[in-house]
Amino acid sequence: MDITTYISQNQQQGILPGLVLGYQYGYDAPVITAYGLDGAQQPLTPDSVFPVASITKLALSLAVLTLIDRRVIALDDPIGTYLSDITPASAPLSIRSLLCHTSGLALDLADKDGLYAIGLDWPKLAQECLISAPVKPAWSGVQYSNLGYGLLGILLERLTGQGCAEALSSLVLTPLGIRGLLGNPIDRTVATIADVRGRHRGTNLETFNSPFWRSLALPWGGLCTDAAGALALVDAFLPHSDFLTPTLREEALSDQTRGLSGGFMPPLWWNPSPWGLGPELRGTKAPHWVSPQFAPASFGHSGASGMVVWADESSMVRIAMLGARAADSGWMLRHGPQITSLVINQLTQ
């Protein structure tokens, strides 16, 4: 079965309203194709902009790694060296542990739902990050953490003297030629994500879709970009890019977790759970949203809004899958492996 037929079947069965699929092989230009509609029944195009959620973490990690390459900071520096107002319990956490989710910090802020109301902004959320203490010892397991990347966003602001959105643009998005913004674009339409769940569903606070949510410019999940932008983020970690120095690039793509188990939350909990300095590593994880045909050392990131971007250095295959349905519906875990397998087979046959 070819890619178009498989995606069409998913659309006809009501599994997915639409998808923008981008892929790249070797040094070829990306091929980007749009299928169907977004959650508001608007046609998708190859340059549709999506809220890519946690794929933002790839951009943020590249910004932090840039500062490491410039010797402004070092991987094993305690975060408290730069954030004097952080809670003492979090001060010893290394930048390395925050990047690879071994800091012991929780998945999210303790009162996440209670905080989300009109009047909330990033400075208020940043203060909550600063006063949040780890819930378990560092290096005792892998616990994917938005909170950890919140601290890295504050670090970026303190070191650059810019807001996180401006710093991310100047250090990463503009140099890589990415059409994107951390926050709420005012000059372009953002694709609507279908089947967003949670207490704010259908309200003016709805995750991903509301101007309010995007205005928060969350350093762990607020990036809006297109398929070409997502592909550019993983491309920056590959050897043909000079964005990072070779030594740091290799370290960024090696497992930093010391073989620990963990992940997001069950069933996305693996033993081991390899993670690099920002990118997730494929390993032998199951279940997973990308094909096991990807090498264990392949890497990328997913986003809860229904997004995946992945790259395999050994085959030089890169894939961006930007869906118009939120991931917690289960469509990515059920159909992502097959879609990415079909792309790999087409590119490498």
C-alpha atoms as a PDB file:
ATOM      1  CA  MET A   1       0.000   0.000   0.000  1.00  0.00           C
ATOM      2  CA  ASP A   2       1.269   3.472  -0.807  1.00  0.00           C
ATOM      3  CA  ILE A   3       1.302   6.458   1.544  1.00  0.00           C
ATOM      4  CA  THR A   4      -1.597   8.324  -0.049  1.00  0.00           C
ATOM      5  CA  THR A   5      -3.885   5.290   0.038  1.00  0.00           C
ATOM      6  CA  TYR A   6      -3.125   4.600   3.694  1.00  0.00           C
ATOM      7  CA  ILE A   7      -3.705   8.202   4.761  1.00  0.00           C
ATOM      8  CA  SER A   8      -6.918   8.371   2.712  1.00  0.00           C
ATOM      9  CA  GLN A   9      -8.202   5.259   4.479  1.00  0.00           C
ATOM     10  CA  ASN A  10      -7.500   6.907   7.833  1.00  0.00           C
ATOM     11  CA  GLN A  11      -9.428   9.974   6.745  1.00  0.00           C
ATOM     12  CA  GLN A  12     -12.394   7.966   5.447  1.00  0.00           C
ATOM     13  CA  GLN A  13     -12.587   6.032   8.708  1.00  0.00           C
ATOM     14  CA  GLY A  14     -12.658   9.261  10.719  1.00  0.00           C
ATOM     15  CA  ILE A  15      -9.291   8.581  12.356  1.00  0.00           C
ATOM     16  CA  LEU A  16      -7.631  11.724  11.076  1.00  0.00           C
ATOM     17  CA  PRO A  17      -9.148  14.824   9.433  1.00  0.00           C
ATOM     18  CA  GLY A  18      -5.888  15.855   7.806  1.00  0.00           C
ATOM     19  CA  LEU A  19      -2.123  15.604   7.839  1.00  0.00           C
ATOM     20  CA  VAL A  20       0.893  17.432   6.458  1.00  0.00           C
ATOM     21  CA  LEU A  21       3.656  14.937   5.741  1.00  0.00           C
ATOM     22  CA  GLY A  22       7.192  16.036   4.989  1.00  0.00           C
ATOM     23  CA  TYR A  23      10.146  13.808   4.249  1.00  0.00           C
ATOM     24  CA  GLN A  24      13.711  14.182   3.110  1.00  0.00           C
ATOM     25  CA  TYR A  25      16.336  11.712   1.944  1.00  0.00           C
ATOM     26  CA  GLY A  26      20.049  12.367   1.825  1.00  0.00           C
ATOM     27  CA  TYR A  27      20.749  15.810   0.443  1.00  0.00           C
ATOM     28  CA  ASP A  28      17.510  16.001  -1.549  1.00  0.00           C
ATOM     29  CA  ALA A  29      15.104  18.873  -0.974  1.00  0.00           C
ATOM     30  CA  PRO A  30      12.175  18.067   1.339  1.00  0.00           C
ATOM     31  CA  VAL A  31       8.984  16.716  -0.196  1.00  0.00           C
ATOM     32  CA  ILE A  32       5.964  18.095   1.646  1.00  0.00           C
ATOM     33  CA  THR A  33       2.388  17.016   0.919  1.00  0.00           C
ATOM     34  CA  ALA A  34      -0.864  18.109   2.540  1.00  0.00           C
ATOM     35  CA  TYR A  35      -3.830  15.790   2.986  1.00  0.00           C
ATOM     36  CA  GLY A  36      -7.321  16.826   3.995  1.00  0.00           C
ATOM     37  CA  LEU A  37      -8.566  19.412   6.453  1.00  0.00           C
ATOM     38  CA  ASP A  38      -7.680  20.770   9.862  1.00  0.00           C
ATOM     39  CA  GLY A  39      -9.991  20.574  12.872  1.00  0.00           C
ATOM     40  CA  ALA A  40     -11.951  23.604  11.683  1.00  0.00           C
ATOM     41  CA  GLN A  41     -12.546  22.016   8.260  1.00  0.00           C
ATOM     42  CA  GLN A  42     -10.067  24.325   6.557  1.00  0.00           C
ATOM     43  CA  PRO A  43      -7.892  22.849   3.788  1.00  0.00           C
ATOM     44  CA  LEU A  44      -4.331  22.081   4.788  1.00  0.00           C
ATOM     45  CA  THR A  45      -1.452  23.154   2.558  1.00  0.00           C
ATOM     46  CA  PRO A  46       2.232  22.164   2.523  1.00  0.00           C
ATOM     47  CA  ASP A  47       3.108  25.394   4.342  1.00  0.00           C
ATOM     48  CA  SER A  48       0.334  25.188   6.963  1.00  0.00           C
ATOM     49  CA  VAL A  49       1.526  26.361  10.370  1.00  0.00           C
ATOM     50  CA  PHE A  50       0.767  24.109  13.345  1.00  0.00           C
ATOM     51  CA  PRO A  51       1.150  24.398  17.113  1.00  0.00           C
ATOM     52  CA  VAL A  52       3.858  21.728  17.297  1.00  0.00           C
ATOM     53  CA  ALA A  53       3.747  21.440  21.107  1.00  0.00           C
ATOM     54  CA  SER A  54       6.757  19.622  22.568  1.00  0.00           C
ATOM     55  CA  ILE A  55       8.723  19.668  19.325  1.00  0.00           C
ATOM     56  CA  THR A  56       9.480  23.109  20.772  1.00  0.00           C
ATOM     57  CA  LYS A  57      11.957  21.321  23.050  1.00  0.00           C
ATOM     58  CA  LEU A  58      14.200  20.560  20.068  1.00  0.00           C
ATOM     59  CA  ALA A  59      14.430  24.281  19.336  1.00  0.00           C
ATOM     60  CA  LEU A  60      15.022  25.168  22.987  1.00  0.00           C
ATOM     61  CA  SER A  61      17.712  22.516  23.370  1.00  0.00           C
ATOM     62  CA  LEU A  62      19.474  23.838  20.265  1.00  0.00           C
ATOM     63  CA  ALA A  63      19.477  27.316  21.839  1.00  0.00           C
ATOM     64  CA  VAL A  64      20.990  25.969  25.069  1.00  0.00           C
ATOM     65  CA  LEU A  65      23.547  23.895  23.147  1.00  0.00           C
ATOM     66  CA  THR A  66      24.527  27.012  21.193  1.00  0.00           C
ATOM     67  CA  LEU A  67      25.402  28.715  24.482  1.00  0.00           C
ATOM     68  CA  ILE A  68      27.410  25.654  25.489  1.00  0.00           C
ATOM     69  CA  ASP A  69      29.299  25.745  22.194  1.00  0.00           C
ATOM     70  CA  ARG A  70      30.057  29.412  22.872  1.00  0.00           C
ATOM     71  CA  ARG A  71      31.300  28.461  26.368  1.00  0.00           C
ATOM     72  CA  VAL A  72      28.810  30.724  28.060  1.00  0.00           C
ATOM     73  CA  ILE A  73      27.685  27.740  30.145  1.00  0.00           C
ATOM     74  CA  ALA A  74      28.721  24.095  30.575  1.00  0.00           C
ATOM     75  CA  LEU A  75      26.603  20.946  30.551  1.00  0.00           C
ATOM     76  CA  ASP A  76      27.353  19.983  34.116  1.00  0.00           C
ATOM     77  CA  ASP A  77      26.921  23.435  35.620  1.00  0.00           C
ATOM     78  CA  PRO A  78      24.240  23.531  38.335  1.00  0.00           C
ATOM     79  CA  ILE A  79      21.247  25.544  37.150  1.00  0.00           C
ATOM     80  CA  GLY A  80      21.393  27.492  40.417  1.00  0.00           C
ATOM     81  CA  THR A  81      24.674  29.037  39.278  1.00  0.00           C
ATOM     82  CA  TYR A  82      22.629  31.213  36.926  1.00  0.00           C
ATOM     83  CA  LEU A  83      19.203  31.323  38.615  1.00  0.00           C
ATOM     84  CA  SER A  84      19.845  32.780  42.058  1.00  0.00           C
ATOM     85  CA  ASP A  85      16.119  32.877  42.883  1.00  0.00           C
ATOM     86  CA  ILE A  86      15.469  29.186  42.228  1.00  0.00           C
ATOM     87  CA  THR A  87      14.281  27.011  45.107  1.00  0.00           C
ATOM     88  CA  PRO A  88      17.327  25.546  46.927  1.00  0.00           C
ATOM     89  CA  ALA A  89      16.153  21.989  46.219  1.00  0.00           C
ATOM     90  CA  SER A  90      16.454  22.567  42.449  1.00  0.00           C
ATOM     91  CA  ALA A  91      19.639  24.663  42.487  1.00  0.00           C
ATOM     92  CA  PRO A  92      22.050  21.681  42.207  1.00  0.00           C
ATOM     93  CA  LEU A  93      20.331  20.224  39.109  1.00  0.00           C
ATOM     94  CA  SER A  94      22.713  20.154  36.155  1.00  0.00           C
ATOM     95  CA  ILE A  95      21.872  21.571  32.765  1.00  0.00           C
ATOM     96  CA  ARG A  96      22.605  18.090  31.384  1.00  0.00           C
ATOM     97  CA  SER A  97      19.982  16.474  33.640  1.00  0.00           C
ATOM     98  CA  LEU A  98      17.364  19.041  32.589  1.00  0.00           C
ATOM     99  CA  LEU A  99      18.040  18.455  28.890  1.00  0.00           C
ATOM    100  CA  CYS A 100      17.709  14.655  29.161  1.00  0.00           C
ATOM    101  CA  HIS A 101      14.848  14.530  31.706  1.00  0.00           C
ATOM    102  CA  THR A 102      16.765  12.939  34.574  1.00  0.00           C
ATOM    103  CA  SER A 103      16.503  15.892  36.982  1.00  0.00           C
ATOM    104  CA  GLY A 104      13.820  14.373  39.208  1.00  0.00           C
ATOM    105  CA  LEU A 105      11.398  17.192  38.386  1.00  0.00           C
ATOM    106  CA  ALA A 106       7.759  16.335  37.759  1.00  0.00           C
ATOM    107  CA  LEU A 107       6.109  16.120  34.354  1.00  0.00           C
ATOM    108  CA  ASP A 108       4.418  19.475  34.863  1.00  0.00           C
ATOM    109  CA  LEU A 109       3.633  22.178  37.388  1.00  0.00           C
ATOM    110  CA  ALA A 110       1.762  20.899  40.439  1.00  0.00           C
ATOM    111  CA  ASP A 111      -1.231  23.215  39.962  1.00  0.00           C
ATOM    112  CA  LYS A 112      -1.165  23.285  36.175  1.00  0.00           C
ATOM    113  CA  ASP A 113      -4.952  23.269  35.699  1.00  0.00           C
ATOM    114  CA  GLY A 114      -5.576  25.764  38.469  1.00  0.00           C
ATOM    115  CA  LEU A 115      -3.121  28.241  36.966  1.00  0.00           C
ATOM    116  CA  TYR A 116      -4.680  28.395  33.499  1.00  0.00           C
ATOM    117  CA  ALA A 117      -7.002  31.372  33.499  1.00  0.00           C
ATOM    118  CA  ILE A 118      -7.260  34.702  31.728  1.00  0.00           C
ATOM    119  CA  GLY A 119      -4.486  36.905  33.100  1.00  0.00           C
ATOM    120  CA  LEU A 120      -1.874  34.151  33.186  1.00  0.00           C
ATOM    121  CA  ASP A 121       1.332  34.909  31.324  1.00  0.00           C
ATOM    122  CA  TRP A 122       4.804  33.436  30.949  1.00  0.00           C
ATOM    123  CA  PRO A 123       6.406  35.531  33.753  1.00  0.00           C
ATOM    124  CA  LYS A 124       3.877  34.090  36.228  1.00  0.00           C
ATOM    125  CA  LEU A 125       4.519  30.563  34.973  1.00  0.00           C
ATOM    126  CA  ALA A 126       8.264  31.162  35.153  1.00  0.00           C
ATOM    127  CA  GLN A 127       7.918  32.045  38.836  1.00  0.00           C
ATOM    128  CA  GLU A 128       6.054  28.777  39.415  1.00  0.00           C
ATOM    129  CA  CYS A 129       8.907  26.909  37.722  1.00  0.00           C
ATOM    130  CA  LEU A 130      11.457  28.593  39.967  1.00  0.00           C
ATOM    131  CA  ILE A 131       9.698  27.562  43.188  1.00  0.00           C
ATOM    132  CA  SER A 132       8.992  23.962  42.099  1.00  0.00           C
ATOM    133  CA  ALA A 133      11.191  21.341  43.770  1.00  0.00           C
ATOM    134  CA  PRO A 134      12.132  17.891  42.407  1.00  0.00           C
ATOM    135  CA  VAL A 135       9.782  15.067  43.350  1.00  0.00           C
ATOM    136  CA  LYS A 136      12.521  12.404  43.330  1.00  0.00           C
ATOM    137  CA  PRO A 137      16.325  12.355  43.330  1.00  0.00           C
ATOM    138  CA  ALA A 138      18.171  13.362  40.172  1.00  0.00           C
ATOM    139  CA  TRP A 139      19.442  10.442  38.082  1.00  0.00           C
ATOM    140  CA  SER A 140      16.997   7.984  39.661  1.00  0.00           C
ATOM    141  CA  GLY A 141      14.962   7.582  36.472  1.00  0.00           C
ATOM    142  CA  VAL A 142      13.775   9.305  33.320  1.00  0.00           C
ATOM    143  CA  GLN A 143      10.746  11.503  33.901  1.00  0.00           C
ATOM    144  CA  TYR A 144       9.867  13.626  30.892  1.00  0.00           C
ATOM    145  CA  SER A 145       9.460  17.131  32.284  1.00  0.00           C
ATOM    146  CA  ASN A 146       7.931  20.304  30.899  1.00  0.00           C
ATOM    147  CA  LEU A 147       8.985  21.924  34.154  1.00  0.00           C
ATOM    148  CA  GLY A 148      12.666  21.208  33.456  1.00  0.00           C
ATOM    149  CA  TYR A 149      12.428  22.940  30.102  1.00  0.00           C
ATOM    150  CA  GLY A 150      10.696  25.843  31.786  1.00  0.00           C
ATOM    151  CA  LEU A 151      13.855  26.320  33.857  1.00  0.00           C
ATOM    152  CA  LEU A 152      15.954  26.118  30.681  1.00  0.00           C
ATOM    153  CA  GLY A 153      13.764  28.806  29.136  1.00  0.00           C
ATOM    154  CA  ILE A 154      14.390  31.056  32.145  1.00  0.00           C
ATOM    155  CA  LEU A 155      18.115  30.310  31.843  1.00  0.00           C
ATOM    156  CA  LEU A 156      18.016  31.396  28.216  1.00  0.00           C
ATOM    157  CA  GLU A 157      16.358  34.668  29.170  1.00  0.00           C
ATOM    158  CA  ARG A 158      18.809  35.451  31.959  1.00  0.00           C
ATOM    159  CA  LEU A 159      21.868  34.743  29.806  1.00  0.00           C
ATOM    160  CA  THR A 160      20.723  36.610  26.685  1.00  0.00           C
ATOM    161  CA  GLY A 161      18.825  39.491  28.259  1.00  0.00           C
ATOM    162  CA  GLN A 162      15.953  38.725  25.875  1.00  0.00           C
ATOM    163  CA  GLY A 163      12.548  37.179  26.314  1.00  0.00           C
ATOM    164  CA  CYS A 164      12.505  33.459  25.577  1.00  0.00           C
ATOM    165  CA  ALA A 165      10.658  33.936  22.276  1.00  0.00           C
ATOM    166  CA  GLU A 166      13.141  36.555  21.073  1.00  0.00           C
ATOM    167  CA  ALA A 167      16.143  34.516  22.204  1.00  0.00           C
ATOM    168  CA  LEU A 168      14.840  31.396  20.465  1.00  0.00           C
ATOM    169  CA  SER A 169      14.313  33.342  17.252  1.00  0.00           C
ATOM    170  CA  SER A 170      17.748  34.960  17.278  1.00  0.00           C
ATOM    171  CA  LEU A 171      19.694  31.843  18.290  1.00  0.00           C
ATOM    172  CA  VAL A 172      17.822  29.124  16.384  1.00  0.00           C
ATOM    173  CA  LEU A 173      14.834  29.971  14.202  1.00  0.00           C
ATOM    174  CA  THR A 174      16.355  32.803  12.170  1.00  0.00           C
ATOM    175  CA  PRO A 175      19.778  31.140  11.640  1.00  0.00           C
ATOM    176  CA  LEU A 176      18.054  27.941  10.474  1.00  0.00           C
ATOM    177  CA  GLY A 177      15.632  29.812   8.222  1.00  0.00           C
ATOM    178  CA  ILE A 178      12.627  28.440  10.100  1.00  0.00           C
ATOM    179  CA  ARG A 179       9.254  30.057   9.513  1.00  0.00           C
ATOM    180  CA  GLY A 180       8.013  29.951  13.047  1.00  0.00           C
ATOM    181  CA  LEU A 181       7.409  31.764  16.290  1.00  0.00           C
ATOM    182  CA  LEU A 182       7.291  30.889  19.972  1.00  0.00           C
ATOM    183  CA  GLY A 183       3.904  32.320  20.803  1.00  0.00           C
ATOM    184  CA  ASN A 184       0.825  33.490  18.947  1.00  0.00           C
ATOM    185  CA  PRO A 185       1.489  34.419  15.299  1.00  0.00           C
ATOM    186  CA  ILE A 186      -0.342  37.581  14.344  1.00  0.00           C
ATOM    187  CA  ASP A 187       0.477  37.492  10.636  1.00  0.00           C
ATOM    188  CA  ARG A 188      -0.557  33.939   9.746  1.00  0.00           C
ATOM    189  CA  THR A 189      -3.314  31.420  10.430  1.00  0.00           C
ATOM    190  CA  VAL A 190      -2.542  28.463  12.670  1.00  0.00           C
ATOM    191  CA  ALA A 191      -4.121  25.094  11.848  1.00  0.00           C
ATOM    192  CA  THR A 192      -6.838  24.016  14.267  1.00  0.00           C
ATOM    193  CA  ILE A 193      -6.242  20.734  16.100  1.00  0.00           C
ATOM    194  CA  ALA A 194      -9.256  18.431  16.380  1.00  0.00           C
ATOM    195  CA  ASP A 195     -10.260  16.356  19.403  1.00  0.00           C
ATOM    196  CA  VAL A 196      -8.395  18.395  22.008  1.00  0.00           C
ATOM    197  CA  ARG A 197      -9.370  17.025  25.398  1.00  0.00           C
ATOM    198  CA  GLY A 198      -9.271  18.378  28.928  1.00  0.00           C
ATOM    199  CA  ARG A 199     -11.284  20.751  31.080  1.00  0.00           C
ATOM    200  CA  HIS A 200     -10.800  23.734  28.732  1.00  0.00           C
ATOM    201  CA  ARG A 201     -12.034  21.944  25.605  1.00  0.00           C
ATOM    202  CA  GLY A 202     -14.244  24.216  23.508  1.00  0.00           C
ATOM    203  CA  THR A 203     -13.478  27.326  25.570  1.00  0.00           C
ATOM    204  CA  ASN A 204     -11.341  30.381  24.946  1.00  0.00           C
ATOM    205  CA  LEU A 205      -8.598  28.667  26.988  1.00  0.00           C
ATOM    206  CA  GLU A 206      -8.437  25.531  24.831  1.00  0.00           C
ATOM    207  CA  THR A 207      -4.981  24.001  24.589  1.00  0.00           C
ATOM    208  CA  PHE A 208      -3.218  24.480  21.222  1.00  0.00           C
ATOM    209  CA  ASN A 209      -6.123  26.251  19.507  1.00  0.00           C
ATOM    210  CA  SER A 210      -6.835  29.347  21.585  1.00  0.00           C
ATOM    211  CA  PRO A 211      -4.957  32.630  21.096  1.00  0.00           C
ATOM    212  CA  PHE A 212      -4.712  32.688  24.912  1.00  0.00           C
ATOM    213  CA  TRP A 213      -2.842  29.356  25.065  1.00  0.00           C
ATOM    214  CA  ARG A 214      -0.471  30.366  22.283  1.00  0.00           C
ATOM    215  CA  SER A 215       0.124  33.778  23.883  1.00  0.00           C
ATOM    216  CA  LEU A 216       1.799  32.030  26.828  1.00  0.00           C
ATOM    217  CA  ALA A 217       4.762  31.231  24.529  1.00  0.00           C
ATOM    218  CA  LEU A 218       5.582  28.168  26.602  1.00  0.00           C
ATOM    219  CA  PRO A 219       9.285  27.285  26.253  1.00  0.00           C
ATOM    220  CA  TRP A 220       8.368  23.609  26.508  1.00  0.00           C
ATOM    221  CA  GLY A 221       5.577  23.623  23.943  1.00  0.00           C
ATOM    222  CA  GLY A 222       4.537  26.959  22.421  1.00  0.00           C
ATOM    223  CA  LEU A 223       6.263  26.903  19.025  1.00  0.00           C
ATOM    224  CA  CYS A 224       4.160  27.328  15.896  1.00  0.00           C
ATOM    225  CA  THR A 225       5.839  26.278  12.660  1.00  0.00           C
ATOM    226  CA  ASP A 226       5.367  24.241   9.492  1.00  0.00           C
ATOM    227  CA  ALA A 227       6.678  20.894   8.255  1.00  0.00           C
ATOM    228  CA  ALA A 228       9.777  22.480   6.719  1.00  0.00           C
ATOM    229  CA  GLY A 229      10.550  24.104  10.068  1.00  0.00           C
ATOM    230  CA  ALA A 230      10.190  20.816  11.938  1.00  0.00           C
ATOM    231  CA  LEU A 231      12.526  19.100   9.472  1.00  0.00           C
ATOM    232  CA  ALA A 232      15.060  21.918   9.860  1.00  0.00           C
ATOM    233  CA  LEU A 233      15.184  21.325  13.624  1.00  0.00           C
ATOM    234  CA  VAL A 234      16.281  17.695  13.294  1.00  0.00           C
ATOM    235  CA  ASP A 235      18.532  18.552  10.362  1.00  0.00           C
ATOM    236  CA  ALA A 236      20.514  20.889  12.646  1.00  0.00           C
ATOM    237  CA  PHE A 237      21.645  17.827  14.631  1.00  0.00           C
ATOM    238  CA  LEU A 238      22.962  15.942  11.579  1.00  0.00           C
ATOM    239  CA  PRO A 239      26.634  15.854  10.512  1.00  0.00           C
ATOM    240  CA  HIS A 240      26.163  17.883   7.322  1.00  0.00           C
ATOM    241  CA  SER A 241      24.965  20.832   9.405  1.00  0.00           C
ATOM    242  CA  ASP A 242      27.497  23.150  11.027  1.00  0.00           C
ATOM    243  CA  PHE A 243      24.986  24.464  13.549  1.00  0.00           C
ATOM    244  CA  LEU A 244      26.675  22.586  16.414  1.00  0.00           C
ATOM    245  CA  THR A 245      30.318  21.677  16.805  1.00  0.00           C
ATOM    246  CA  PRO A 246      30.942  17.993  15.972  1.00  0.00           C
ATOM    247  CA  THR A 247      31.861  17.010  19.520  1.00  0.00           C
ATOM    248  CA  LEU A 248      28.761  18.547  21.075  1.00  0.00           C
ATOM    249  CA  ARG A 249      26.550  17.229  18.265  1.00  0.00           C
ATOM    250  CA  GLU A 250      27.732  13.669  18.936  1.00  0.00           C
ATOM    251  CA  GLU A 251      27.112  14.094  22.653  1.00  0.00           C
ATOM    252  CA  ALA A 252      23.656  15.516  22.003  1.00  0.00           C
ATOM    253  CA  LEU A 253      22.715  12.389  20.039  1.00  0.00           C
ATOM    254  CA  SER A 254      24.112   9.860  22.517  1.00  0.00           C
ATOM    255  CA  ASP A 255      22.149   8.448  25.429  1.00  0.00           C
ATOM    256  CA  GLN A 256      22.667  10.712  28.420  1.00  0.00           C
ATOM    257  CA  THR A 257      20.417   8.824  30.833  1.00  0.00           C
ATOM    258  CA  ARG A 258      22.945   6.209  32.061  1.00  0.00           C
ATOM    259  CA  GLY A 259      20.614   3.456  30.898  1.00  0.00           C
ATOM    260  CA  LEU A 260      17.760   4.455  33.194  1.00  0.00           C
ATOM    261  CA  SER A 261      14.144   3.469  32.649  1.00  0.00           C
ATOM    262  CA  GLY A 262      11.227   5.866  32.456  1.00  0.00           C
ATOM    263  CA  GLY A 263       9.483   8.058  29.914  1.00  0.00           C
ATOM    264  CA  PHE A 264       6.309  10.110  29.878  1.00  0.00           C
ATOM    265  CA  MET A 265       3.653   8.074  31.690  1.00  0.00           C
ATOM    266  CA  PRO A 266       2.318   4.537  31.133  1.00  0.00           C
ATOM    267  CA  PRO A 267       2.093   3.070  28.522  1.00  0.00           C
ATOM    268  CA  LEU A 268       4.866   5.366  27.278  1.00  0.00           C
ATOM    269  CA  TRP A 269       7.262   3.985  29.874  1.00  0.00           C
ATOM    270  CA  TRP A 270      10.317   2.060  28.707  1.00  0.00           C
ATOM    271  CA  ASN A 271      13.279   0.149  30.085  1.00  0.00           C
ATOM    272  CA  PRO A 272      15.676   1.563  29.083  1.00  0.00           C
ATOM    273  CA  SER A 273      14.462   5.005  28.009  1.00  0.00           C
ATOM    274  CA  PRO A 274      17.326   6.580  26.027  1.00  0.00           C
ATOM    275  CA  TRP A 275      17.388  10.341  25.631  1.00  0.00           C
ATOM    276  CA  GLY A 276      19.978  12.757  24.286  1.00  0.00           C
ATOM    277  CA  LEU A 277      20.534  16.442  25.017  1.00  0.00           C
ATOM    278  CA  GLY A 278      17.085  17.453  23.819  1.00  0.00           C
ATOM    279  CA  PRO A 279      16.270  14.784  21.212  1.00  0.00           C
ATOM    280  CA  GLU A 280      14.539  11.575  22.171  1.00  0.00           C
ATOM    281  CA  LEU A 281      16.398   8.465  20.945  1.00  0.00           C
ATOM    282  CA  ARG A 282      14.447   5.615  19.337  1.00  0.00           C
ATOM    283  CA  GLY A 283      16.185   2.708  21.060  1.00  0.00           C
ATOM    284  CA  THR A 284      13.927  -0.343  21.186  1.00  0.00           C
ATOM    285  CA  LYS A 285      10.941   1.493  22.667  1.00  0.00           C
ATOM    286  CA  ALA A 286       7.513  -0.095  22.284  1.00  0.00           C
ATOM    287  CA  PRO A 287       4.897   1.166  21.914  1.00  0.00           C
ATOM    288  CA  HIS A 288       6.172   4.114  19.915  1.00  0.00           C
ATOM    289  CA  TRP A 289       4.881   6.503  17.259  1.00  0.00           C
ATOM    290  CA  VAL A 290       7.631   5.905  14.690  1.00  0.00           C
ATOM    291  CA  SER A 291       8.582   2.744  12.853  1.00  0.00           C
ATOM    292  CA  PRO A 292      10.992   0.210  14.377  1.00  0.00           C
ATOM    293  CA  GLN A 293      12.673   0.392  10.960  1.00  0.00           C
ATOM    294  CA  PHE A 294      14.325   3.519  12.298  1.00  0.00           C
ATOM    295  CA  ALA A 295      17.724   2.682  13.783  1.00  0.00           C
ATOM    296  CA  PRO A 296      18.020   2.630  17.597  1.00  0.00           C
ATOM    297  CA  ALA A 297      20.267   5.712  17.362  1.00  0.00           C
ATOM    298  CA  SER A 298      17.665   7.643  15.347  1.00  0.00           C
ATOM    299  CA  PHE A 299      16.198  10.654  17.090  1.00  0.00           C
ATOM    300  CA  GLY A 300      13.511  13.280  17.112  1.00  0.00           C
ATOM    301  CA  HIS A 301      10.567  14.471  19.155  1.00  0.00           C
ATOM    302  CA  SER A 302       6.804  14.278  19.379  1.00  0.00           C
ATOM    303  CA  GLY A 303       4.170  16.811  20.318  1.00  0.00           C
ATOM    304  CA  ALA A 304       0.884  16.200  22.118  1.00  0.00           C
ATOM    305  CA  SER A 305      -0.912  18.271  19.490  1.00  0.00           C
ATOM    306  CA  GLY A 306      -0.393  15.350  17.064  1.00  0.00           C
ATOM    307  CA  MET A 307       3.113  15.980  15.748  1.00  0.00           C
ATOM    308  CA  VAL A 308       6.227  13.875  15.156  1.00  0.00           C
ATOM    309  CA  VAL A 309       9.569  14.743  13.567  1.00  0.00           C
ATOM    310  CA  TRP A 310      12.269  12.081  13.295  1.00  0.00           C
ATOM    311  CA  ALA A 311      15.696  11.606  11.695  1.00  0.00           C
ATOM    312  CA  ASP A 312      17.992   8.637  11.087  1.00  0.00           C
ATOM    313  CA  GLU A 313      21.639   9.546  10.585  1.00  0.00           C
ATOM    314  CA  SER A 314      22.487   6.069   9.259  1.00  0.00           C
ATOM    315  CA  SER A 315      19.966   6.221   6.409  1.00  0.00           C
ATOM    316  CA  MET A 316      19.678  10.036   6.174  1.00  0.00           C
ATOM    317  CA  VAL A 317      15.880   9.767   6.239  1.00  0.00           C
ATOM    318  CA  ARG A 318      13.972  12.583   7.930  1.00  0.00           C
ATOM    319  CA  ILE A 319      10.205  12.629   8.428  1.00  0.00           C
ATOM    320  CA  ALA A 320       7.813  15.266   9.775  1.00  0.00           C
ATOM    321  CA  MET A 321       4.245  14.197  10.453  1.00  0.00           C
ATOM    322  CA  LEU A 322       1.980  17.088  11.478  1.00  0.00           C
ATOM    323  CA  GLY A 323      -1.507  15.816  12.202  1.00  0.00           C
ATOM    324  CA  ALA A 324      -4.718  17.757  12.698  1.00  0.00           C
ATOM    325  CA  ARG A 325      -5.855  15.608  15.635  1.00  0.00           C
ATOM    326  CA  ALA A 326      -4.441  15.638  19.161  1.00  0.00           C
ATOM    327  CA  ALA A 327      -2.199  12.735  20.118  1.00  0.00           C
ATOM    328  CA  ASP A 328      -4.170  11.602  23.168  1.00  0.00           C
ATOM    329  CA  SER A 329      -6.821  10.224  20.813  1.00  0.00           C
ATOM    330  CA  GLY A 330      -4.279   7.457  20.185  1.00  0.00           C
ATOM    331  CA  TRP A 331      -3.955   7.924  16.436  1.00  0.00           C
ATOM    332  CA  MET A 332      -0.185   8.527  16.523  1.00  0.00           C
ATOM    333  CA  LEU A 333       0.610   5.334  18.414  1.00  0.00           C
ATOM    334  CA  ARG A 334      -1.728   3.261  16.252  1.00  0.00           C
ATOM    335  CA  HIS A 335      -0.879   4.684  12.842  1.00  0.00           C
ATOM    336  CA  GLY A 336       2.389   6.619  13.135  1.00  0.00           C
ATOM    337  CA  PRO A 337       4.563   3.491  12.838  1.00  0.00           C
ATOM    338  CA  GLN A 338       2.806   2.417   9.640  1.00  0.00           C
ATOM    339  CA  ILE A 339       2.916   5.876   8.050  1.00  0.00           C
ATOM    340  CA  THR A 340       6.612   6.284   8.829  1.00  0.00           C
ATOM    341  CA  SER A 341       7.338   2.726   7.592  1.00  0.00           C
ATOM    342  CA  LEU A 342       5.644   3.506   4.276  1.00  0.00           C
ATOM    343  CA  VAL A 343       7.766   6.641   3.887  1.00  0.00           C
ATOM    344  CA  ILE A 344      10.995   4.763   4.717  1.00  0.00           C
ATOM    345  CA  ASN A 345      10.141   2.021   2.226  1.00  0.00           C
ATOM    346  CA  GLN A 346       9.396   4.544  -0.503  1.00  0.00           C
ATOM    347  CA  LEU A 347      12.619   6.451   0.066  1.00  0.00           C
ATOM    348  CA  THR A 348      14.962   3.498   0.407  1.00  0.00           C
ATOM    349  CA  GLN A 349      13.577   0.920  -2.021  1.00  0.00           C
END
